[in-house]
Amino acid sequence: MEVSGWKNGKFSAGRSVSLGVSVGRVNVQQFFDKKWGAILIKLGETTVQVKLTRRFWTTCPELRSSAIGDWMRRNGLVPWLKGKPPKMSLTPEGGIRFRLSL
């Protein structure tokens, strides 16, 4: 599934921004199970656990993690122009396992 970069504020000098990926409501319904409290995301050679918040299922379909932000920075995806978040692929690998790639 195609996902896009997500941030909680503006990129600016001296200000930290939380990063993650926006999954979208349609993808949440299609690829995620409401029984899950967290998922595992493979980022290159590393696998991280990402909590699914209550609002993930309703109004905030984002996967938020400092590890995702670090991966995005290492891959040159941060910062991005306003209104032009980077696109990535989040591939289901069975159960709660997913792989994030460029």
PDB file of N, CA and C in Angstrom:
ATOM      1  N   MET A   1       0.847  -1.181   0.000  1.00  0.00           N
ATOM      2  CA  MET A   1       0.000   0.000   0.000  1.00  0.00           C
ATOM      3  C   MET A   1       0.883   1.232   0.000  1.00  0.00           C
ATOM      4  N   GLU A   2       0.426   2.285  -0.644  1.00  0.00           N
ATOM      5  CA  GLU A   2       1.177   3.536  -0.631  1.00  0.00           C
ATOM      6  C   GLU A   2       0.838   4.313   0.631  1.00  0.00           C
ATOM      7  N   VAL A   3       1.877   4.801   1.304  1.00  0.00           N
ATOM      8  CA  VAL A   3       1.719   5.645   2.484  1.00  0.00           C
ATOM      9  C   VAL A   3       2.527   6.912   2.243  1.00  0.00           C
ATOM     10  N   SER A   4       2.289   7.929   3.054  1.00  0.00           N
ATOM     11  CA  SER A   4       3.032   9.178   2.890  1.00  0.00           C
ATOM     12  C   SER A   4       3.592   9.634   4.228  1.00  0.00           C
ATOM     13  N   GLY A   5       4.607  10.487   4.146  1.00  0.00           N
ATOM     14  CA  GLY A   5       5.218  11.023   5.352  1.00  0.00           C
ATOM     15  C   GLY A   5       4.210  11.818   6.171  1.00  0.00           C
ATOM     16  N   TRP A   6       4.375  11.777   7.482  1.00  0.00           N
ATOM     17  CA  TRP A   6       3.524  12.519   8.412  1.00  0.00           C
ATOM     18  C   TRP A   6       4.436  13.231   9.397  1.00  0.00           C
ATOM     19  N   LYS A   7       4.050  14.448   9.788  1.00  0.00           N
ATOM     20  CA  LYS A   7       4.775  15.190  10.826  1.00  0.00           C
ATOM     21  C   LYS A   7       3.778  15.974  11.662  1.00  0.00           C
ATOM     22  N   ASN A   8       4.186  16.307  12.882  1.00  0.00           N
ATOM     23  CA  ASN A   8       3.262  17.007  13.780  1.00  0.00           C
ATOM     24  C   ASN A   8       3.509  18.497  13.877  1.00  0.00           C
ATOM     25  N   GLY A   9       4.288  19.056  12.979  1.00  0.00           N
ATOM     26  CA  GLY A   9       4.552  20.496  13.038  1.00  0.00           C
ATOM     27  C   GLY A   9       5.387  20.922  11.854  1.00  0.00           C
ATOM     28  N   LYS A  10       5.979  22.118  11.966  1.00  0.00           N
ATOM     29  CA  LYS A  10       6.804  22.669  10.895  1.00  0.00           C
ATOM     30  C   LYS A  10       8.255  22.243  11.069  1.00  0.00           C
ATOM     31  N   PHE A  11       8.930  22.037   9.932  1.00  0.00           N
ATOM     32  CA  PHE A  11      10.373  21.848   9.967  1.00  0.00           C
ATOM     33  C   PHE A  11      10.995  23.223  10.144  1.00  0.00           C
ATOM     34  N   SER A  12      11.774  23.403  11.196  1.00  0.00           N
ATOM     35  CA  SER A  12      12.480  24.667  11.390  1.00  0.00           C
ATOM     36  C   SER A  12      13.686  24.412  12.280  1.00  0.00           C
ATOM     37  N   ALA A  13      14.671  25.267  12.157  1.00  0.00           N
ATOM     38  CA  ALA A  13      15.892  25.126  12.942  1.00  0.00           C
ATOM     39  C   ALA A  13      15.580  25.183  14.432  1.00  0.00           C
ATOM     40  N   GLY A  14      16.174  24.279  15.172  1.00  0.00           N
ATOM     41  CA  GLY A  14      16.018  24.283  16.616  1.00  0.00           C
ATOM     42  C   GLY A  14      14.721  23.687  17.129  1.00  0.00           C
ATOM     43  N   ARG A  15      13.884  23.186  16.260  1.00  0.00           N
ATOM     44  CA  ARG A  15      12.601  22.619  16.695  1.00  0.00           C
ATOM     45  C   ARG A  15      12.537  21.156  16.277  1.00  0.00           C
ATOM     46  N   SER A  16      12.202  20.296  17.208  1.00  0.00           N
ATOM     47  CA  SER A  16      12.080  18.889  16.846  1.00  0.00           C
ATOM     48  C   SER A  16      10.651  18.609  16.376  1.00  0.00           C
ATOM     49  N   VAL A  17      10.551  17.709  15.432  1.00  0.00           N
ATOM     50  CA  VAL A  17       9.267  17.360  14.835  1.00  0.00           C
ATOM     51  C   VAL A  17       9.101  15.854  14.957  1.00  0.00           C
ATOM     52  N   SER A  18       7.946  15.403  15.415  1.00  0.00           N
ATOM     53  CA  SER A  18       7.658  13.974  15.433  1.00  0.00           C
ATOM     54  C   SER A  18       7.308  13.544  14.018  1.00  0.00           C
ATOM     55  N   LEU A  19       7.813  12.378  13.633  1.00  0.00           N
ATOM     56  CA  LEU A  19       7.600  11.880  12.279  1.00  0.00           C
ATOM     57  C   LEU A  19       6.971  10.494  12.288  1.00  0.00           C
ATOM     58  N   GLY A  20       6.388  10.153  11.164  1.00  0.00           N
ATOM     59  CA  GLY A  20       5.800   8.836  10.979  1.00  0.00           C
ATOM     60  C   GLY A  20       5.261   8.743   9.575  1.00  0.00           C
ATOM     61  N   VAL A  21       4.333   7.816   9.374  1.00  0.00           N
ATOM     62  CA  VAL A  21       3.697   7.685   8.062  1.00  0.00           C
ATOM     63  C   VAL A  21       2.184   7.706   8.221  1.00  0.00           C
ATOM     64  N   SER A  22       1.544   8.336   7.265  1.00  0.00           N
ATOM     65  CA  SER A  22       0.089   8.366   7.214  1.00  0.00           C
ATOM     66  C   SER A  22      -0.364   7.194   6.350  1.00  0.00           C
ATOM     67  N   VAL A  23      -1.174   6.335   6.936  1.00  0.00           N
ATOM     68  CA  VAL A  23      -1.626   5.118   6.268  1.00  0.00           C
ATOM     69  C   VAL A  23      -2.898   5.367   5.461  1.00  0.00           C
ATOM     70  N   GLY A  24      -3.770   6.216   5.974  1.00  0.00           N
ATOM     71  CA  GLY A  24      -5.055   6.474   5.317  1.00  0.00           C
ATOM     72  C   GLY A  24      -6.135   5.535   5.830  1.00  0.00           C
ATOM     73  N   ARG A  25      -7.337   6.046   5.936  1.00  0.00           N
ATOM     74  CA  ARG A  25      -8.449   5.281   6.525  1.00  0.00           C
ATOM     75  C   ARG A  25      -8.810   4.028   5.740  1.00  0.00           C
ATOM     76  N   VAL A  26      -8.777   4.119   4.409  1.00  0.00           N
ATOM     77  CA  VAL A  26      -9.119   2.955   3.590  1.00  0.00           C
ATOM     78  C   VAL A  26      -8.130   1.823   3.847  1.00  0.00           C
ATOM     79  N   ASN A  27      -6.835   2.147   3.914  1.00  0.00           N
ATOM     80  CA  ASN A  27      -5.826   1.125   4.190  1.00  0.00           C
ATOM     81  C   ASN A  27      -5.959   0.550   5.591  1.00  0.00           C
ATOM     82  N   VAL A  28      -6.319   1.389   6.553  1.00  0.00           N
ATOM     83  CA  VAL A  28      -6.532   0.898   7.917  1.00  0.00           C
ATOM     84  C   VAL A  28      -7.608  -0.185   7.902  1.00  0.00           C
ATOM     85  N   GLN A  29      -8.706   0.089   7.232  1.00  0.00           N
ATOM     86  CA  GLN A  29      -9.810  -0.875   7.177  1.00  0.00           C
ATOM     87  C   GLN A  29      -9.423  -2.154   6.440  1.00  0.00           C
ATOM     88  N   GLN A  30      -8.607  -2.017   5.403  1.00  0.00           N
ATOM     89  CA  GLN A  30      -8.269  -3.157   4.561  1.00  0.00           C
ATOM     90  C   GLN A  30      -7.138  -4.025   5.107  1.00  0.00           C
ATOM     91  N   PHE A  31      -6.125  -3.419   5.749  1.00  0.00           N
ATOM     92  CA  PHE A  31      -4.911  -4.149   6.084  1.00  0.00           C
ATOM     93  C   PHE A  31      -4.638  -4.337   7.581  1.00  0.00           C
ATOM     94  N   PHE A  32      -5.445  -3.725   8.452  1.00  0.00           N
ATOM     95  CA  PHE A  32      -5.176  -3.779   9.883  1.00  0.00           C
ATOM     96  C   PHE A  32      -6.350  -4.400  10.622  1.00  0.00           C
ATOM     97  N   ASP A  33      -6.052  -5.099  11.710  1.00  0.00           N
ATOM     98  CA  ASP A  33      -7.062  -5.780  12.511  1.00  0.00           C
ATOM     99  C   ASP A  33      -7.246  -5.022  13.829  1.00  0.00           C
ATOM    100  N   LYS A  34      -8.485  -4.693  14.163  1.00  0.00           N
ATOM    101  CA  LYS A  34      -8.752  -3.921  15.391  1.00  0.00           C
ATOM    102  C   LYS A  34      -8.331  -4.656  16.655  1.00  0.00           C
ATOM    103  N   LYS A  35      -8.037  -5.934  16.578  1.00  0.00           N
ATOM    104  CA  LYS A  35      -7.549  -6.688  17.732  1.00  0.00           C
ATOM    105  C   LYS A  35      -6.093  -6.358  18.053  1.00  0.00           C
ATOM    106  N   TRP A  36      -5.387  -5.769  17.095  1.00  0.00           N
ATOM    107  CA  TRP A  36      -3.970  -5.474  17.282  1.00  0.00           C
ATOM    108  C   TRP A  36      -3.770  -4.207  18.109  1.00  0.00           C
ATOM    109  N   GLY A  37      -2.884  -4.264  19.073  1.00  0.00           N
ATOM    110  CA  GLY A  37      -2.503  -3.084  19.841  1.00  0.00           C
ATOM    111  C   GLY A  37      -1.235  -2.451  19.310  1.00  0.00           C
ATOM    112  N   ALA A  38      -0.485  -3.239  18.519  1.00  0.00           N
ATOM    113  CA  ALA A  38       0.781  -2.772  17.937  1.00  0.00           C
ATOM    114  C   ALA A  38       1.073  -3.623  16.711  1.00  0.00           C
ATOM    115  N   ILE A  39       1.980  -3.117  15.874  1.00  0.00           N
ATOM    116  CA  ILE A  39       2.448  -3.886  14.724  1.00  0.00           C
ATOM    117  C   ILE A  39       3.969  -3.871  14.730  1.00  0.00           C
ATOM    118  N   LEU A  40       4.566  -4.719  13.907  1.00  0.00           N
ATOM    119  CA  LEU A  40       6.009  -4.744  13.717  1.00  0.00           C
ATOM    120  C   LEU A  40       6.303  -4.245  12.310  1.00  0.00           C
ATOM    121  N   ILE A  41       7.230  -3.297  12.212  1.00  0.00           N
ATOM    122  CA  ILE A  41       7.598  -2.744  10.916  1.00  0.00           C
ATOM    123  C   ILE A  41       9.083  -2.978  10.684  1.00  0.00           C
ATOM    124  N   LYS A  42       9.393  -3.591   9.560  1.00  0.00           N
ATOM    125  CA  LYS A  42      10.783  -3.800   9.168  1.00  0.00           C
ATOM    126  C   LYS A  42      11.254  -2.567   8.416  1.00  0.00           C
ATOM    127  N   LEU A  43      12.335  -1.972   8.918  1.00  0.00           N
ATOM    128  CA  LEU A  43      12.954  -0.784   8.326  1.00  0.00           C
ATOM    129  C   LEU A  43      14.368  -1.194   7.938  1.00  0.00           C
ATOM    130  N   GLY A  44      14.567  -1.639   6.721  1.00  0.00           N
ATOM    131  CA  GLY A  44      15.873  -2.155   6.338  1.00  0.00           C
ATOM    132  C   GLY A  44      16.151  -3.434   7.099  1.00  0.00           C
ATOM    133  N   GLU A  45      17.238  -3.438   7.866  1.00  0.00           N
ATOM    134  CA  GLU A  45      17.623  -4.635   8.636  1.00  0.00           C
ATOM    135  C   GLU A  45      17.029  -4.630  10.048  1.00  0.00           C
ATOM    136  N   THR A  46      16.352  -3.574  10.420  1.00  0.00           N
ATOM    137  CA  THR A  46      15.818  -3.420  11.772  1.00  0.00           C
ATOM    138  C   THR A  46      14.309  -3.594  11.774  1.00  0.00           C
ATOM    139  N   THR A  47      13.793  -4.242  12.816  1.00  0.00           N
ATOM    140  CA  THR A  47      12.350  -4.362  13.001  1.00  0.00           C
ATOM    141  C   THR A  47      11.973  -3.632  14.283  1.00  0.00           C
ATOM    142  N   VAL A  48      10.953  -2.769  14.190  1.00  0.00           N
ATOM    143  CA  VAL A  48      10.514  -1.997  15.353  1.00  0.00           C
ATOM    144  C   VAL A  48       9.030  -2.249  15.614  1.00  0.00           C
ATOM    145  N   GLN A  49       8.663  -2.136  16.874  1.00  0.00           N
ATOM    146  CA  GLN A  49       7.263  -2.247  17.262  1.00  0.00           C
ATOM    147  C   GLN A  49       6.665  -0.848  17.298  1.00  0.00           C
ATOM    148  N   VAL A  50       5.492  -0.706  16.687  1.00  0.00           N
ATOM    149  CA  VAL A  50       4.805   0.584  16.653  1.00  0.00           C
ATOM    150  C   VAL A  50       3.405   0.394  17.232  1.00  0.00           C
ATOM    151  N   LYS A  51       3.106   1.162  18.266  1.00  0.00           N
ATOM    152  CA  LYS A  51       1.802   1.095  18.926  1.00  0.00           C
ATOM    153  C   LYS A  51       0.720   1.688  18.024  1.00  0.00           C
ATOM    154  N   LEU A  52      -0.445   1.068  18.022  1.00  0.00           N
ATOM    155  CA  LEU A  52      -1.606   1.593  17.308  1.00  0.00           C
ATOM    156  C   LEU A  52      -2.493   2.292  18.334  1.00  0.00           C
ATOM    157  N   THR A  53      -2.623   3.597  18.196  1.00  0.00           N
ATOM    158  CA  THR A  53      -3.404   4.370  19.156  1.00  0.00           C
ATOM    159  C   THR A  53      -4.910   4.167  18.932  1.00  0.00           C
ATOM    160  N   ARG A  54      -5.705   4.535  19.905  1.00  0.00           N
ATOM    161  CA  ARG A  54      -7.171   4.462  19.749  1.00  0.00           C
ATOM    162  C   ARG A  54      -7.629   5.266  18.551  1.00  0.00           C
ATOM    163  N   ARG A  55      -7.031   6.415  18.348  1.00  0.00           N
ATOM    164  CA  ARG A  55      -7.444   7.297  17.246  1.00  0.00           C
ATOM    165  C   ARG A  55      -6.937   6.825  15.878  1.00  0.00           C
ATOM    166  N   PHE A  56      -5.991   5.865  15.872  1.00  0.00           N
ATOM    167  CA  PHE A  56      -5.532   5.285  14.606  1.00  0.00           C
ATOM    168  C   PHE A  56      -6.723   4.729  13.830  1.00  0.00           C
ATOM    169  N   TRP A  57      -7.681   4.168  14.537  1.00  0.00           N
ATOM    170  CA  TRP A  57      -8.828   3.503  13.918  1.00  0.00           C
ATOM    171  C   TRP A  57      -9.905   4.482  13.463  1.00  0.00           C
ATOM    172  N   THR A  58      -9.822   5.739  13.887  1.00  0.00           N
ATOM    173  CA  THR A  58     -10.889   6.693  13.564  1.00  0.00           C
ATOM    174  C   THR A  58     -10.364   7.911  12.801  1.00  0.00           C
ATOM    175  N   THR A  59      -9.724   8.829  13.502  1.00  0.00           N
ATOM    176  CA  THR A  59      -9.381  10.118  12.893  1.00  0.00           C
ATOM    177  C   THR A  59      -7.898  10.349  12.632  1.00  0.00           C
ATOM    178  N   CYS A  60      -7.020   9.498  13.152  1.00  0.00           N
ATOM    179  CA  CYS A  60      -5.573   9.717  13.014  1.00  0.00           C
ATOM    180  C   CYS A  60      -4.877   8.439  12.541  1.00  0.00           C
ATOM    181  N   PRO A  61      -5.042   8.080  11.282  1.00  0.00           N
ATOM    182  CA  PRO A  61      -4.466   6.819  10.791  1.00  0.00           C
ATOM    183  C   PRO A  61      -2.967   6.934  10.476  1.00  0.00           C
ATOM    184  N   GLU A  62      -2.196   7.288  11.503  1.00  0.00           N
ATOM    185  CA  GLU A  62      -0.757   7.437  11.337  1.00  0.00           C
ATOM    186  C   GLU A  62      -0.009   6.431  12.194  1.00  0.00           C
ATOM    187  N   LEU A  63       1.135   6.008  11.694  1.00  0.00           N
ATOM    188  CA  LEU A  63       2.069   5.181  12.453  1.00  0.00           C
ATOM    189  C   LEU A  63       3.196   6.107  12.873  1.00  0.00           C
ATOM    190  N   ARG A  64       3.312   6.335  14.172  1.00  0.00           N
ATOM    191  CA  ARG A  64       4.255   7.323  14.692  1.00  0.00           C
ATOM    192  C   ARG A  64       5.356   6.614  15.473  1.00  0.00           C
ATOM    193  N   SER A  65       6.600   6.918  15.132  1.00  0.00           N
ATOM    194  CA  SER A  65       7.721   6.279  15.800  1.00  0.00           C
ATOM    195  C   SER A  65       8.994   7.049  15.524  1.00  0.00           C
ATOM    196  N   SER A  66       9.821   7.214  16.546  1.00  0.00           N
ATOM    197  CA  SER A  66      11.116   7.865  16.330  1.00  0.00           C
ATOM    198  C   SER A  66      11.977   7.026  15.393  1.00  0.00           C
ATOM    199  N   ALA A  67      11.819   5.698  15.418  1.00  0.00           N
ATOM    200  CA  ALA A  67      12.587   4.832  14.524  1.00  0.00           C
ATOM    201  C   ALA A  67      12.192   5.071  13.066  1.00  0.00           C
ATOM    202  N   ILE A  68      10.906   5.294  12.810  1.00  0.00           N
ATOM    203  CA  ILE A  68      10.470   5.619  11.442  1.00  0.00           C
ATOM    204  C   ILE A  68      11.071   6.959  11.031  1.00  0.00           C
ATOM    205  N   GLY A  69      11.048   7.943  11.925  1.00  0.00           N
ATOM    206  CA  GLY A  69      11.639   9.248  11.630  1.00  0.00           C
ATOM    207  C   GLY A  69      13.125   9.141  11.333  1.00  0.00           C
ATOM    208  N   ASP A  70      13.847   8.348  12.127  1.00  0.00           N
ATOM    209  CA  ASP A  70      15.283   8.153  11.885  1.00  0.00           C
ATOM    210  C   ASP A  70      15.510   7.501  10.525  1.00  0.00           C
ATOM    211  N   TRP A  71      14.707   6.509  10.182  1.00  0.00           N
ATOM    212  CA  TRP A  71      14.811   5.828   8.886  1.00  0.00           C
ATOM    213  C   TRP A  71      14.545   6.808   7.746  1.00  0.00           C
ATOM    214  N   MET A  72      13.538   7.662   7.910  1.00  0.00           N
ATOM    215  CA  MET A  72      13.223   8.659   6.891  1.00  0.00           C
ATOM    216  C   MET A  72      14.390   9.636   6.709  1.00  0.00           C
ATOM    217  N   ARG A  73      15.003  10.061   7.808  1.00  0.00           N
ATOM    218  CA  ARG A  73      16.148  10.970   7.723  1.00  0.00           C
ATOM    219  C   ARG A  73      17.321  10.296   7.010  1.00  0.00           C
ATOM    220  N   ARG A  74      17.621   9.047   7.388  1.00  0.00           N
ATOM    221  CA  ARG A  74      18.736   8.324   6.756  1.00  0.00           C
ATOM    222  C   ARG A  74      18.530   8.168   5.249  1.00  0.00           C
ATOM    223  N   ASN A  75      17.285   8.109   4.823  1.00  0.00           N
ATOM    224  CA  ASN A  75      16.972   7.929   3.415  1.00  0.00           C
ATOM    225  C   ASN A  75      16.708   9.238   2.679  1.00  0.00           C
ATOM    226  N   GLY A  76      16.998  10.364   3.333  1.00  0.00           N
ATOM    227  CA  GLY A  76      16.905  11.672   2.681  1.00  0.00           C
ATOM    228  C   GLY A  76      15.486  12.152   2.415  1.00  0.00           C
ATOM    229  N   LEU A  77      14.521  11.662   3.182  1.00  0.00           N
ATOM    230  CA  LEU A  77      13.124  12.034   2.968  1.00  0.00           C
ATOM    231  C   LEU A  77      12.692  13.244   3.780  1.00  0.00           C
ATOM    232  N   VAL A  78      13.559  13.706   4.674  1.00  0.00           N
ATOM    233  CA  VAL A  78      13.235  14.799   5.592  1.00  0.00           C
ATOM    234  C   VAL A  78      14.256  15.904   5.400  1.00  0.00           C
ATOM    235  N   PRO A  79      13.876  17.172   5.370  1.00  0.00           N
ATOM    236  CA  PRO A  79      12.497  17.685   5.391  1.00  0.00           C
ATOM    237  C   PRO A  79      11.885  17.595   3.992  1.00  0.00           C
ATOM    238  N   TRP A  80      10.576  17.868   3.942  1.00  0.00           N
ATOM    239  CA  TRP A  80       9.903  17.937   2.651  1.00  0.00           C
ATOM    240  C   TRP A  80       9.164  19.257   2.537  1.00  0.00           C
ATOM    241  N   LEU A  81       8.849  19.615   1.306  1.00  0.00           N
ATOM    242  CA  LEU A  81       8.125  20.864   1.061  1.00  0.00           C
ATOM    243  C   LEU A  81       6.694  20.758   1.576  1.00  0.00           C
ATOM    244  N   LYS A  82       6.163  21.869   2.036  1.00  0.00           N
ATOM    245  CA  LYS A  82       4.792  21.912   2.546  1.00  0.00           C
ATOM    246  C   LYS A  82       3.824  21.350   1.502  1.00  0.00           C
ATOM    247  N   GLY A  83       3.000  20.407   1.936  1.00  0.00           N
ATOM    248  CA  GLY A  83       2.002  19.810   1.057  1.00  0.00           C
ATOM    249  C   GLY A  83       2.549  18.737   0.124  1.00  0.00           C
ATOM    250  N   LYS A  84       3.839  18.392   0.260  1.00  0.00           N
ATOM    251  CA  LYS A  84       4.448  17.396  -0.625  1.00  0.00           C
ATOM    252  C   LYS A  84       5.201  16.342   0.182  1.00  0.00           C
ATOM    253  N   PRO A  85       4.502  15.599   1.044  1.00  0.00           N
ATOM    254  CA  PRO A  85       5.185  14.570   1.829  1.00  0.00           C
ATOM    255  C   PRO A  85       5.702  13.452   0.932  1.00  0.00           C
ATOM    256  N   PRO A  86       6.789  12.804   1.344  1.00  0.00           N
ATOM    257  CA  PRO A  86       7.324  11.705   0.542  1.00  0.00           C
ATOM    258  C   PRO A  86       6.362  10.514   0.537  1.00  0.00           C
ATOM    259  N   LYS A  87       6.382   9.785  -0.552  1.00  0.00           N
ATOM    260  CA  LYS A  87       5.568   8.582  -0.687  1.00  0.00           C
ATOM    261  C   LYS A  87       6.460   7.370  -0.442  1.00  0.00           C
ATOM    262  N   MET A  88       5.914   6.381   0.240  1.00  0.00           N
ATOM    263  CA  MET A  88       6.616   5.143   0.542  1.00  0.00           C
ATOM    264  C   MET A  88       5.659   3.977   0.360  1.00  0.00           C
ATOM    265  N   SER A  89       6.200   2.782   0.491  1.00  0.00           N
ATOM    266  CA  SER A  89       5.384   1.582   0.390  1.00  0.00           C
ATOM    267  C   SER A  89       5.407   0.850   1.726  1.00  0.00           C
ATOM    268  N   LEU A  90       4.240   0.488   2.230  1.00  0.00           N
ATOM    269  CA  LEU A  90       4.119  -0.313   3.443  1.00  0.00           C
ATOM    270  C   LEU A  90       3.512  -1.646   3.019  1.00  0.00           C
ATOM    271  N   THR A  91       4.315  -2.692   3.069  1.00  0.00           N
ATOM    272  CA  THR A  91       3.909  -3.994   2.552  1.00  0.00           C
ATOM    273  C   THR A  91       3.553  -4.945   3.688  1.00  0.00           C
ATOM    274  N   PRO A  92       2.328  -5.492   3.695  1.00  0.00           N
ATOM    275  CA  PRO A  92       1.973  -6.496   4.694  1.00  0.00           C
ATOM    276  C   PRO A  92       2.794  -7.763   4.457  1.00  0.00           C
ATOM    277  N   GLU A  93       3.335  -8.332   5.535  1.00  0.00           N
ATOM    278  CA  GLU A  93       4.131  -9.556   5.422  1.00  0.00           C
ATOM    279  C   GLU A  93       3.524 -10.686   6.236  1.00  0.00           C
ATOM    280  N   GLY A  94       2.262 -10.547   6.602  1.00  0.00           N
ATOM    281  CA  GLY A  94       1.576 -11.579   7.365  1.00  0.00           C
ATOM    282  C   GLY A  94       1.371 -11.168   8.807  1.00  0.00           C
ATOM    283  N   GLY A  95       0.138 -11.299   9.286  1.00  0.00           N
ATOM    284  CA  GLY A  95      -0.181 -10.935  10.655  1.00  0.00           C
ATOM    285  C   GLY A  95       0.157  -9.487  10.928  1.00  0.00           C
ATOM    286  N   ILE A  96       0.852  -9.252  12.037  1.00  0.00           N
ATOM    287  CA  ILE A  96       1.174  -7.883  12.439  1.00  0.00           C
ATOM    288  C   ILE A  96       2.471  -7.366  11.822  1.00  0.00           C
ATOM    289  N   ARG A  97       3.050  -8.111  10.880  1.00  0.00           N
ATOM    290  CA  ARG A  97       4.335  -7.732  10.282  1.00  0.00           C
ATOM    291  C   ARG A  97       4.161  -6.970   8.976  1.00  0.00           C
ATOM    292  N   PHE A  98       4.900  -5.844   8.862  1.00  0.00           N
ATOM    293  CA  PHE A  98       4.889  -5.004   7.688  1.00  0.00           C
ATOM    294  C   PHE A  98       6.322  -4.615   7.353  1.00  0.00           C
ATOM    295  N   ARG A  99       6.553  -4.193   6.112  1.00  0.00           N
ATOM    296  CA  ARG A  99       7.858  -3.701   5.679  1.00  0.00           C
ATOM    297  C   ARG A  99       7.669  -2.331   5.052  1.00  0.00           C
ATOM    298  N   LEU A 100       8.437  -1.333   5.520  1.00  0.00           N
ATOM    299  CA  LEU A 100       8.392   0.007   4.961  1.00  0.00           C
ATOM    300  C   LEU A 100       9.567   0.161   4.006  1.00  0.00           C
ATOM    301  N   SER A 101       9.294   0.623   2.790  1.00  0.00           N
ATOM    302  CA  SER A 101      10.355   0.784   1.797  1.00  0.00           C
ATOM    303  C   SER A 101      10.079   2.005   0.930  1.00  0.00           C
ATOM    304  N   LEU A 102      11.119   2.388   0.187  1.00  0.00           N
ATOM    305  CA  LEU A 102      11.014   3.551  -0.704  1.00  0.00           C
ATOM    306  C   LEU A 102      10.318   3.158  -1.991  1.00  0.00           C
TER     307      LEU A 102
END
